[in-house]
Amino acid sequence: QGDVPFGTCTAISESPLQFGLLYVGTDNGRVWRSDDGGVNWRD
């Protein structure tokens, strides 16, 4: 950490075609996907 929070989520999207298909991005370059509404996440 520095003088402001780092290591935060910056973007989120849910597929309009499939409930629970989620994508999340972070400020340090990670993109995660969940196919089951957040039960499991894959980088």
ModelCIF file with pLDDT and N, C-alpha, C, O atoms, coordinates in Angstrom:
data_MODEL
#
_entry.id   MODEL 
#
_entity.id                         1 
_entity.type                       polymer 
_entity.pdbx_number_of_molecules   1 
#
_entity_poly.entity_id                      1 
_entity_poly.type                           'polypeptide(L)' 
_entity_poly.nstd_linkage                   no 
_entity_poly.nstd_monomer                   no 
_entity_poly.pdbx_seq_one_letter_code       QGDVPFGTCTAISESPLQFGLLYVGTDNGRVWRSDDGGVNWRD 
_entity_poly.pdbx_seq_one_letter_code_can   QGDVPFGTCTAISESPLQFGLLYVGTDNGRVWRSDDGGVNWRD 
_entity_poly.pdbx_strand_id                 A 
#
loop_
_entity_poly_seq.entity_id 
_entity_poly_seq.num 
_entity_poly_seq.mon_id 
_entity_poly_seq.hetero 
1 1  GLN n 
1 2  GLY n 
1 3  ASP n 
1 4  VAL n 
1 5  PRO n 
1 6  PHE n 
1 7  GLY n 
1 8  THR n 
1 9  CYS n 
1 10 THR n 
1 11 ALA n 
1 12 ILE n 
1 13 SER n 
1 14 GLU n 
1 15 SER n 
1 16 PRO n 
1 17 LEU n 
1 18 GLN n 
1 19 PHE n 
1 20 GLY n 
1 21 LEU n 
1 22 LEU n 
1 23 TYR n 
1 24 VAL n 
1 25 GLY n 
1 26 THR n 
1 27 ASP n 
1 28 ASN n 
1 29 GLY n 
1 30 ARG n 
1 31 VAL n 
1 32 TRP n 
1 33 ARG n 
1 34 SER n 
1 35 ASP n 
1 36 ASP n 
1 37 GLY n 
1 38 GLY n 
1 39 VAL n 
1 40 ASN n 
1 41 TRP n 
1 42 ARG n 
1 43 ASP n 
#
_struct_asym.id          A 
_struct_asym.entity_id   1 
#
loop_
_ma_qa_metric.id 
_ma_qa_metric.mode 
_ma_qa_metric.name 
_ma_qa_metric.software_group_id 
_ma_qa_metric.type 
1 global pLDDT . pLDDT 
2 local  pLDDT . pLDDT 
#
_ma_qa_metric_global.metric_id      1 
_ma_qa_metric_global.metric_value   95.49 
_ma_qa_metric_global.model_id       1 
_ma_qa_metric_global.ordinal_id     1 
#
loop_
_ma_qa_metric_local.label_asym_id 
_ma_qa_metric_local.label_comp_id 
_ma_qa_metric_local.label_seq_id 
_ma_qa_metric_local.metric_id 
_ma_qa_metric_local.metric_value 
_ma_qa_metric_local.model_id 
_ma_qa_metric_local.ordinal_id 
A GLN 1  2 83.00 1 1  
A GLY 2  2 79.00 1 2  
A ASP 3  2 76.00 1 3  
A VAL 4  2 82.00 1 4  
A PRO 5  2 88.00 1 5  
A PHE 6  2 92.00 1 6  
A GLY 7  2 95.00 1 7  
A THR 8  2 97.00 1 8  
A CYS 9  2 98.00 1 9  
A THR 10 2 97.00 1 10 
A ALA 11 2 98.00 1 11 
A ILE 12 2 98.00 1 12 
A SER 13 2 98.00 1 13 
A GLU 14 2 98.00 1 14 
A SER 15 2 98.00 1 15 
A PRO 16 2 98.00 1 16 
A LEU 17 2 98.00 1 17 
A GLN 18 2 98.00 1 18 
A PHE 19 2 98.00 1 19 
A GLY 20 2 97.00 1 20 
A LEU 21 2 98.00 1 21 
A LEU 22 2 98.00 1 22 
A TYR 23 2 98.00 1 23 
A VAL 24 2 98.00 1 24 
A GLY 25 2 98.00 1 25 
A THR 26 2 97.00 1 26 
A ASP 27 2 96.00 1 27 
A ASN 28 2 94.00 1 28 
A GLY 29 2 95.00 1 29 
A ARG 30 2 97.00 1 30 
A VAL 31 2 98.00 1 31 
A TRP 32 2 98.00 1 32 
A ARG 33 2 98.00 1 33 
A SER 34 2 98.00 1 34 
A ASP 35 2 98.00 1 35 
A ASP 36 2 98.00 1 36 
A GLY 37 2 97.00 1 37 
A GLY 38 2 97.00 1 38 
A VAL 39 2 97.00 1 39 
A ASN 40 2 98.00 1 40 
A TRP 41 2 98.00 1 41 
A ARG 42 2 98.00 1 42 
A ASP 43 2 98.00 1 43 
#
loop_
_atom_site.group_PDB 
_atom_site.id 
_atom_site.type_symbol 
_atom_site.label_atom_id 
_atom_site.label_alt_id 
_atom_site.label_comp_id 
_atom_site.label_asym_id 
_atom_site.label_entity_id 
_atom_site.label_seq_id 
_atom_site.pdbx_PDB_ins_code 
_atom_site.Cartn_x 
_atom_site.Cartn_y 
_atom_site.Cartn_z 
_atom_site.occupancy 
_atom_site.B_iso_or_equiv 
_atom_site.pdbx_formal_charge 
_atom_site.auth_seq_id 
_atom_site.auth_comp_id 
_atom_site.auth_asym_id 
_atom_site.auth_atom_id 
_atom_site.pdbx_PDB_model_num 
ATOM 1   N N  . GLN A 1 1  ? 0.820   -1.205  0.000   1.00 83.00 ? 1  GLN A N  1 
ATOM 2   C CA . GLN A 1 1  ? 0.000   0.000   0.000   1.00 83.00 ? 1  GLN A CA 1 
ATOM 3   C C  . GLN A 1 1  ? 0.858   1.260   0.000   1.00 83.00 ? 1  GLN A C  1 
ATOM 4   O O  . GLN A 1 1  ? 1.995   1.263   0.471   1.00 83.00 ? 1  GLN A O  1 
ATOM 5   N N  . GLY A 1 2  ? 0.270   2.347   -0.551  1.00 79.00 ? 2  GLY A N  1 
ATOM 6   C CA . GLY A 1 2  ? 0.910   3.647   -0.574  1.00 79.00 ? 2  GLY A CA 1 
ATOM 7   C C  . GLY A 1 2  ? 0.042   4.676   0.100   1.00 79.00 ? 2  GLY A C  1 
ATOM 8   O O  . GLY A 1 2  ? -0.565  4.389   1.132   1.00 79.00 ? 2  GLY A O  1 
ATOM 9   N N  . ASP A 1 3  ? -0.034  5.880   -0.461  1.00 76.00 ? 3  ASP A N  1 
ATOM 10  C CA . ASP A 1 3  ? -0.792  6.950   0.184   1.00 76.00 ? 3  ASP A CA 1 
ATOM 11  C C  . ASP A 1 3  ? -2.263  6.954   -0.220  1.00 76.00 ? 3  ASP A C  1 
ATOM 12  O O  . ASP A 1 3  ? -3.055  7.718   0.332   1.00 76.00 ? 3  ASP A O  1 
ATOM 13  N N  . VAL A 1 4  ? -2.632  6.110   -1.173  1.00 82.00 ? 4  VAL A N  1 
ATOM 14  C CA . VAL A 1 4  ? -4.046  5.894   -1.493  1.00 82.00 ? 4  VAL A CA 1 
ATOM 15  C C  . VAL A 1 4  ? -4.255  4.392   -1.631  1.00 82.00 ? 4  VAL A C  1 
ATOM 16  O O  . VAL A 1 4  ? -3.289  3.664   -1.863  1.00 82.00 ? 4  VAL A O  1 
ATOM 17  N N  . PRO A 1 5  ? -5.483  3.908   -1.494  1.00 88.00 ? 5  PRO A N  1 
ATOM 18  C CA . PRO A 1 5  ? -5.704  2.474   -1.618  1.00 88.00 ? 5  PRO A CA 1 
ATOM 19  C C  . PRO A 1 5  ? -5.258  1.954   -2.987  1.00 88.00 ? 5  PRO A C  1 
ATOM 20  O O  . PRO A 1 5  ? -5.597  2.532   -4.020  1.00 88.00 ? 5  PRO A O  1 
ATOM 21  N N  . PHE A 1 6  ? -4.513  0.883   -2.985  1.00 92.00 ? 6  PHE A N  1 
ATOM 22  C CA . PHE A 1 6  ? -4.115  0.172   -4.194  1.00 92.00 ? 6  PHE A CA 1 
ATOM 23  C C  . PHE A 1 6  ? -4.423  -1.295  -3.958  1.00 92.00 ? 6  PHE A C  1 
ATOM 24  O O  . PHE A 1 6  ? -4.492  -1.754  -2.818  1.00 92.00 ? 6  PHE A O  1 
ATOM 25  N N  . GLY A 1 7  ? -4.607  -2.024  -5.051  1.00 95.00 ? 7  GLY A N  1 
ATOM 26  C CA . GLY A 1 7  ? -5.120  -3.373  -4.903  1.00 95.00 ? 7  GLY A CA 1 
ATOM 27  C C  . GLY A 1 7  ? -6.615  -3.321  -4.715  1.00 95.00 ? 7  GLY A C  1 
ATOM 28  O O  . GLY A 1 7  ? -7.161  -3.823  -3.732  1.00 95.00 ? 7  GLY A O  1 
ATOM 29  N N  . THR A 1 8  ? -7.279  -2.688  -5.703  1.00 97.00 ? 8  THR A N  1 
ATOM 30  C CA . THR A 1 8  ? -8.732  -2.520  -5.666  1.00 97.00 ? 8  THR A CA 1 
ATOM 31  C C  . THR A 1 8  ? -9.328  -2.997  -6.973  1.00 97.00 ? 8  THR A C  1 
ATOM 32  O O  . THR A 1 8  ? -8.634  -3.079  -7.987  1.00 97.00 ? 8  THR A O  1 
ATOM 33  N N  . CYS A 1 9  ? -10.597 -3.308  -6.951  1.00 98.00 ? 9  CYS A N  1 
ATOM 34  C CA . CYS A 1 9  ? -11.319 -3.634  -8.181  1.00 98.00 ? 9  CYS A CA 1 
ATOM 35  C C  . CYS A 1 9  ? -11.727 -2.342  -8.873  1.00 98.00 ? 9  CYS A C  1 
ATOM 36  O O  . CYS A 1 9  ? -12.138 -1.376  -8.229  1.00 98.00 ? 9  CYS A O  1 
ATOM 37  N N  . THR A 1 10 ? -11.605 -2.343  -10.196 1.00 97.00 ? 10 THR A N  1 
ATOM 38  C CA . THR A 1 10 ? -11.861 -1.136  -10.980 1.00 97.00 ? 10 THR A CA 1 
ATOM 39  C C  . THR A 1 10 ? -12.974 -1.301  -12.001 1.00 97.00 ? 10 THR A C  1 
ATOM 40  O O  . THR A 1 10 ? -13.469 -0.306  -12.529 1.00 97.00 ? 10 THR A O  1 
ATOM 41  N N  . ALA A 1 11 ? -13.382 -2.533  -12.292 1.00 98.00 ? 11 ALA A N  1 
ATOM 42  C CA . ALA A 1 11 ? -14.386 -2.755  -13.330 1.00 98.00 ? 11 ALA A CA 1 
ATOM 43  C C  . ALA A 1 11 ? -15.137 -4.045  -13.029 1.00 98.00 ? 11 ALA A C  1 
ATOM 44  O O  . ALA A 1 11 ? -14.564 -5.008  -12.519 1.00 98.00 ? 11 ALA A O  1 
ATOM 45  N N  . ILE A 1 12 ? -16.426 -4.052  -13.351 1.00 98.00 ? 12 ILE A N  1 
ATOM 46  C CA . ILE A 1 12 ? -17.245 -5.247  -13.169 1.00 98.00 ? 12 ILE A CA 1 
ATOM 47  C C  . ILE A 1 12 ? -18.282 -5.305  -14.275 1.00 98.00 ? 12 ILE A C  1 
ATOM 48  O O  . ILE A 1 12 ? -18.801 -4.275  -14.706 1.00 98.00 ? 12 ILE A O  1 
ATOM 49  N N  . SER A 1 13 ? -18.583 -6.516  -14.733 1.00 98.00 ? 13 SER A N  1 
ATOM 50  C CA . SER A 1 13 ? -19.607 -6.695  -15.770 1.00 98.00 ? 13 SER A CA 1 
ATOM 51  C C  . SER A 1 13 ? -20.254 -8.053  -15.586 1.00 98.00 ? 13 SER A C  1 
ATOM 52  O O  . SER A 1 13 ? -19.591 -9.032  -15.245 1.00 98.00 ? 13 SER A O  1 
ATOM 53  N N  . GLU A 1 14 ? -21.556 -8.098  -15.818 1.00 98.00 ? 14 GLU A N  1 
ATOM 54  C CA . GLU A 1 14 ? -22.295 -9.365  -15.830 1.00 98.00 ? 14 GLU A CA 1 
ATOM 55  C C  . GLU A 1 14 ? -22.897 -9.565  -17.204 1.00 98.00 ? 14 GLU A C  1 
ATOM 56  O O  . GLU A 1 14 ? -23.448 -8.632  -17.787 1.00 98.00 ? 14 GLU A O  1 
ATOM 57  N N  . SER A 1 15 ? -22.795 -10.765 -17.719 1.00 98.00 ? 15 SER A N  1 
ATOM 58  C CA . SER A 1 15 ? -23.355 -11.041 -19.036 1.00 98.00 ? 15 SER A CA 1 
ATOM 59  C C  . SER A 1 15 ? -24.863 -10.829 -19.027 1.00 98.00 ? 15 SER A C  1 
ATOM 60  O O  . SER A 1 15 ? -25.556 -11.385 -18.176 1.00 98.00 ? 15 SER A O  1 
ATOM 61  N N  . PRO A 1 16 ? -25.384 -10.031 -19.962 1.00 98.00 ? 16 PRO A N  1 
ATOM 62  C CA . PRO A 1 16 ? -26.841 -9.887  -20.062 1.00 98.00 ? 16 PRO A CA 1 
ATOM 63  C C  . PRO A 1 16 ? -27.522 -11.158 -20.548 1.00 98.00 ? 16 PRO A C  1 
ATOM 64  O O  . PRO A 1 16 ? -28.746 -11.270 -20.488 1.00 98.00 ? 16 PRO A O  1 
ATOM 65  N N  . LEU A 1 17 ? -26.728 -12.124 -21.032 1.00 98.00 ? 17 LEU A N  1 
ATOM 66  C CA . LEU A 1 17 ? -27.274 -13.350 -21.611 1.00 98.00 ? 17 LEU A CA 1 
ATOM 67  C C  . LEU A 1 17 ? -27.212 -14.538 -20.666 1.00 98.00 ? 17 LEU A C  1 
ATOM 68  O O  . LEU A 1 17 ? -27.838 -15.565 -20.928 1.00 98.00 ? 17 LEU A O  1 
ATOM 69  N N  . GLN A 1 18 ? -26.470 -14.417 -19.570 1.00 98.00 ? 18 GLN A N  1 
ATOM 70  C CA . GLN A 1 18 ? -26.345 -15.536 -18.631 1.00 98.00 ? 18 GLN A CA 1 
ATOM 71  C C  . GLN A 1 18 ? -26.199 -14.995 -17.225 1.00 98.00 ? 18 GLN A C  1 
ATOM 72  O O  . GLN A 1 18 ? -25.207 -14.339 -16.907 1.00 98.00 ? 18 GLN A O  1 
ATOM 73  N N  . PHE A 1 19 ? -27.170 -15.263 -16.391 1.00 98.00 ? 19 PHE A N  1 
ATOM 74  C CA . PHE A 1 19 ? -27.117 -14.801 -15.005 1.00 98.00 ? 19 PHE A CA 1 
ATOM 75  C C  . PHE A 1 19 ? -25.925 -15.438 -14.300 1.00 98.00 ? 19 PHE A C  1 
ATOM 76  O O  . PHE A 1 19 ? -25.688 -16.641 -14.419 1.00 98.00 ? 19 PHE A O  1 
ATOM 77  N N  . GLY A 1 20 ? -25.179 -14.616 -13.565 1.00 97.00 ? 20 GLY A N  1 
ATOM 78  C CA . GLY A 1 20 ? -24.070 -15.131 -12.779 1.00 97.00 ? 20 GLY A CA 1 
ATOM 79  C C  . GLY A 1 20 ? -22.766 -15.275 -13.512 1.00 97.00 ? 20 GLY A C  1 
ATOM 80  O O  . GLY A 1 20 ? -21.772 -15.682 -12.912 1.00 97.00 ? 20 GLY A O  1 
ATOM 81  N N  . LEU A 1 21 ? -22.731 -14.950 -14.818 1.00 98.00 ? 21 LEU A N  1 
ATOM 82  C CA . LEU A 1 21 ? -21.471 -14.933 -15.559 1.00 98.00 ? 21 LEU A CA 1 
ATOM 83  C C  . LEU A 1 21 ? -20.850 -13.560 -15.342 1.00 98.00 ? 21 LEU A C  1 
ATOM 84  O O  . LEU A 1 21 ? -21.246 -12.581 -15.974 1.00 98.00 ? 21 LEU A O  1 
ATOM 85  N N  . LEU A 1 22 ? -19.872 -13.497 -14.442 1.00 98.00 ? 22 LEU A N  1 
ATOM 86  C CA . LEU A 1 22 ? -19.328 -12.239 -13.960 1.00 98.00 ? 22 LEU A CA 1 
ATOM 87  C C  . LEU A 1 22 ? -17.865 -12.088 -14.371 1.00 98.00 ? 22 LEU A C  1 
ATOM 88  O O  . LEU A 1 22 ? -17.116 -13.062 -14.448 1.00 98.00 ? 22 LEU A O  1 
ATOM 89  N N  . TYR A 1 23 ? -17.487 -10.849 -14.629 1.00 98.00 ? 23 TYR A N  1 
ATOM 90  C CA . TYR A 1 23 ? -16.094 -10.494 -14.883 1.00 98.00 ? 23 TYR A CA 1 
ATOM 91  C C  . TYR A 1 23 ? -15.734 -9.314  -13.976 1.00 98.00 ? 23 TYR A C  1 
ATOM 92  O O  . TYR A 1 23 ? -16.524 -8.385  -13.809 1.00 98.00 ? 23 TYR A O  1 
ATOM 93  N N  . VAL A 1 24 ? -14.544 -9.363  -13.398 1.00 98.00 ? 24 VAL A N  1 
ATOM 94  C CA . VAL A 1 24 ? -14.063 -8.300  -12.529 1.00 98.00 ? 24 VAL A CA 1 
ATOM 95  C C  . VAL A 1 24 ? -12.617 -7.998  -12.888 1.00 98.00 ? 24 VAL A C  1 
ATOM 96  O O  . VAL A 1 24 ? -11.825 -8.915  -13.106 1.00 98.00 ? 24 VAL A O  1 
ATOM 97  N N  . GLY A 1 25 ? -12.264 -6.693  -12.953 1.00 98.00 ? 25 GLY A N  1 
ATOM 98  C CA . GLY A 1 25 ? -10.901 -6.273  -13.216 1.00 98.00 ? 25 GLY A CA 1 
ATOM 99  C C  . GLY A 1 25 ? -10.349 -5.470  -12.059 1.00 98.00 ? 25 GLY A C  1 
ATOM 100 O O  . GLY A 1 25 ? -11.107 -4.902  -11.273 1.00 98.00 ? 25 GLY A O  1 
ATOM 101 N N  . THR A 1 26 ? -9.014  -5.418  -11.949 1.00 97.00 ? 26 THR A N  1 
ATOM 102 C CA . THR A 1 26 ? -8.367  -4.745  -10.834 1.00 97.00 ? 26 THR A CA 1 
ATOM 103 C C  . THR A 1 26 ? -7.379  -3.693  -11.325 1.00 97.00 ? 26 THR A C  1 
ATOM 104 O O  . THR A 1 26 ? -7.085  -3.607  -12.517 1.00 97.00 ? 26 THR A O  1 
ATOM 105 N N  . ASP A 1 27 ? -6.879  -2.905  -10.398 1.00 96.00 ? 27 ASP A N  1 
ATOM 106 C CA . ASP A 1 27 ? -5.924  -1.857  -10.748 1.00 96.00 ? 27 ASP A CA 1 
ATOM 107 C C  . ASP A 1 27 ? -4.498  -2.381  -10.910 1.00 96.00 ? 27 ASP A C  1 
ATOM 108 O O  . ASP A 1 27 ? -3.599  -1.614  -11.253 1.00 96.00 ? 27 ASP A O  1 
ATOM 109 N N  . ASN A 1 28 ? -4.278  -3.666  -10.671 1.00 94.00 ? 28 ASN A N  1 
ATOM 110 C CA . ASN A 1 28 ? -2.955  -4.242  -10.919 1.00 94.00 ? 28 ASN A CA 1 
ATOM 111 C C  . ASN A 1 28 ? -2.987  -5.311  -12.007 1.00 94.00 ? 28 ASN A C  1 
ATOM 112 O O  . ASN A 1 28 ? -2.161  -6.223  -12.033 1.00 94.00 ? 28 ASN A O  1 
ATOM 113 N N  . GLY A 1 29 ? -3.974  -5.173  -12.914 1.00 95.00 ? 29 GLY A N  1 
ATOM 114 C CA . GLY A 1 29 ? -3.938  -5.929  -14.156 1.00 95.00 ? 29 GLY A CA 1 
ATOM 115 C C  . GLY A 1 29 ? -4.593  -7.285  -14.159 1.00 95.00 ? 29 GLY A C  1 
ATOM 116 O O  . GLY A 1 29 ? -4.413  -8.046  -15.110 1.00 95.00 ? 29 GLY A O  1 
ATOM 117 N N  . ARG A 1 30 ? -5.345  -7.618  -13.134 1.00 97.00 ? 30 ARG A N  1 
ATOM 118 C CA . ARG A 1 30 ? -5.979  -8.930  -13.107 1.00 97.00 ? 30 ARG A CA 1 
ATOM 119 C C  . ARG A 1 30 ? -7.415  -8.856  -13.613 1.00 97.00 ? 30 ARG A C  1 
ATOM 120 O O  . ARG A 1 30 ? -8.145  -7.901  -13.345 1.00 97.00 ? 30 ARG A O  1 
ATOM 121 N N  . VAL A 1 31 ? -7.794  -9.892  -14.350 1.00 98.00 ? 31 VAL A N  1 
ATOM 122 C CA . VAL A 1 31 ? -9.180  -10.071 -14.781 1.00 98.00 ? 31 VAL A CA 1 
ATOM 123 C C  . VAL A 1 31 ? -9.634  -11.441 -14.300 1.00 98.00 ? 31 VAL A C  1 
ATOM 124 O O  . VAL A 1 31 ? -8.972  -12.453 -14.528 1.00 98.00 ? 31 VAL A O  1 
ATOM 125 N N  . TRP A 1 32 ? -10.772 -11.446 -13.634 1.00 98.00 ? 32 TRP A N  1 
ATOM 126 C CA . TRP A 1 32 ? -11.334 -12.678 -13.074 1.00 98.00 ? 32 TRP A CA 1 
ATOM 127 C C  . TRP A 1 32 ? -12.696 -12.951 -13.692 1.00 98.00 ? 32 TRP A C  1 
ATOM 128 O O  . TRP A 1 32 ? -13.435 -12.035 -14.051 1.00 98.00 ? 32 TRP A O  1 
ATOM 129 N N  . ARG A 1 33 ? -13.011 -14.251 -13.806 1.00 98.00 ? 33 ARG A N  1 
ATOM 130 C CA . ARG A 1 33 ? -14.320 -14.678 -14.321 1.00 98.00 ? 33 ARG A CA 1 
ATOM 131 C C  . ARG A 1 33 ? -14.940 -15.680 -13.360 1.00 98.00 ? 33 ARG A C  1 
ATOM 132 O O  . ARG A 1 33 ? -14.270 -16.568 -12.833 1.00 98.00 ? 33 ARG A O  1 
ATOM 133 N N  . SER A 1 34 ? -16.238 -15.512 -13.150 1.00 98.00 ? 34 SER A N  1 
ATOM 134 C CA . SER A 1 34 ? -17.013 -16.515 -12.428 1.00 98.00 ? 34 SER A CA 1 
ATOM 135 C C  . SER A 1 34 ? -18.166 -16.945 -13.314 1.00 98.00 ? 34 SER A C  1 
ATOM 136 O O  . SER A 1 34 ? -18.892 -16.106 -13.849 1.00 98.00 ? 34 SER A O  1 
ATOM 137 N N  . ASP A 1 35 ? -18.336 -18.246 -13.471 1.00 98.00 ? 35 ASP A N  1 
ATOM 138 C CA . ASP A 1 35 ? -19.442 -18.789 -14.269 1.00 98.00 ? 35 ASP A CA 1 
ATOM 139 C C  . ASP A 1 35 ? -20.660 -19.113 -13.421 1.00 98.00 ? 35 ASP A C  1 
ATOM 140 O O  . ASP A 1 35 ? -21.720 -19.446 -13.951 1.00 98.00 ? 35 ASP A O  1 
ATOM 141 N N  . ASP A 1 36 ? -20.511 -19.014 -12.094 1.00 98.00 ? 36 ASP A N  1 
ATOM 142 C CA . ASP A 1 36 ? -21.566 -19.511 -11.211 1.00 98.00 ? 36 ASP A CA 1 
ATOM 143 C C  . ASP A 1 36 ? -21.928 -18.499 -10.132 1.00 98.00 ? 36 ASP A C  1 
ATOM 144 O O  . ASP A 1 36 ? -22.196 -18.869 -8.989  1.00 98.00 ? 36 ASP A O  1 
ATOM 145 N N  . GLY A 1 37 ? -21.936 -17.237 -10.494 1.00 97.00 ? 37 GLY A N  1 
ATOM 146 C CA . GLY A 1 37 ? -22.397 -16.213 -9.569  1.00 97.00 ? 37 GLY A CA 1 
ATOM 147 C C  . GLY A 1 37 ? -21.490 -15.963 -8.396  1.00 97.00 ? 37 GLY A C  1 
ATOM 148 O O  . GLY A 1 37 ? -21.944 -15.502 -7.348  1.00 97.00 ? 37 GLY A O  1 
ATOM 149 N N  . GLY A 1 38 ? -20.200 -16.261 -8.551  1.00 97.00 ? 38 GLY A N  1 
ATOM 150 C CA . GLY A 1 38 ? -19.252 -15.950 -7.495  1.00 97.00 ? 38 GLY A CA 1 
ATOM 151 C C  . GLY A 1 38 ? -18.879 -17.117 -6.611  1.00 97.00 ? 38 GLY A C  1 
ATOM 152 O O  . GLY A 1 38 ? -18.120 -16.941 -5.658  1.00 97.00 ? 38 GLY A O  1 
ATOM 153 N N  . VAL A 1 39 ? -19.390 -18.312 -6.896  1.00 97.00 ? 39 VAL A N  1 
ATOM 154 C CA . VAL A 1 39 ? -18.989 -19.486 -6.107  1.00 97.00 ? 39 VAL A CA 1 
ATOM 155 C C  . VAL A 1 39 ? -17.525 -19.816 -6.384  1.00 97.00 ? 39 VAL A C  1 
ATOM 156 O O  . VAL A 1 39 ? -16.766 -20.113 -5.462  1.00 97.00 ? 39 VAL A O  1 
ATOM 157 N N  . ASN A 1 40 ? -17.134 -19.763 -7.651  1.00 98.00 ? 40 ASN A N  1 
ATOM 158 C CA . ASN A 1 40 ? -15.762 -20.030 -8.054  1.00 98.00 ? 40 ASN A CA 1 
ATOM 159 C C  . ASN A 1 40 ? -15.286 -18.908 -8.971  1.00 98.00 ? 40 ASN A C  1 
ATOM 160 O O  . ASN A 1 40 ? -16.059 -18.370 -9.764  1.00 98.00 ? 40 ASN A O  1 
ATOM 161 N N  . TRP A 1 41 ? -13.995 -18.560 -8.854  1.00 98.00 ? 41 TRP A N  1 
ATOM 162 C CA . TRP A 1 41 ? -13.398 -17.517 -9.678  1.00 98.00 ? 41 TRP A CA 1 
ATOM 163 C C  . TRP A 1 41 ? -12.156 -18.059 -10.377 1.00 98.00 ? 41 TRP A C  1 
ATOM 164 O O  . TRP A 1 41 ? -11.401 -18.846 -9.807  1.00 98.00 ? 41 TRP A O  1 
ATOM 165 N N  . ARG A 1 42 ? -11.955 -17.624 -11.630 1.00 98.00 ? 42 ARG A N  1 
ATOM 166 C CA . ARG A 1 42 ? -10.812 -18.053 -12.421 1.00 98.00 ? 42 ARG A CA 1 
ATOM 167 C C  . ARG A 1 42 ? -10.081 -16.824 -12.951 1.00 98.00 ? 42 ARG A C  1 
ATOM 168 O O  . ARG A 1 42 ? -10.701 -15.935 -13.535 1.00 98.00 ? 42 ARG A O  1 
ATOM 169 N N  . ASP A 1 43 ? -8.776  -16.772 -12.752 1.00 98.00 ? 43 ASP A N  1 
ATOM 170 C CA . ASP A 1 43 ? -7.953  -15.678 -13.265 1.00 98.00 ? 43 ASP A CA 1 
ATOM 171 C C  . ASP A 1 43 ? -7.752  -15.895 -14.766 1.00 98.00 ? 43 ASP A C  1 
ATOM 172 O O  . ASP A 1 43 ? -7.086  -15.094 -15.422 1.00 98.00 ? 43 ASP A O  1 
#
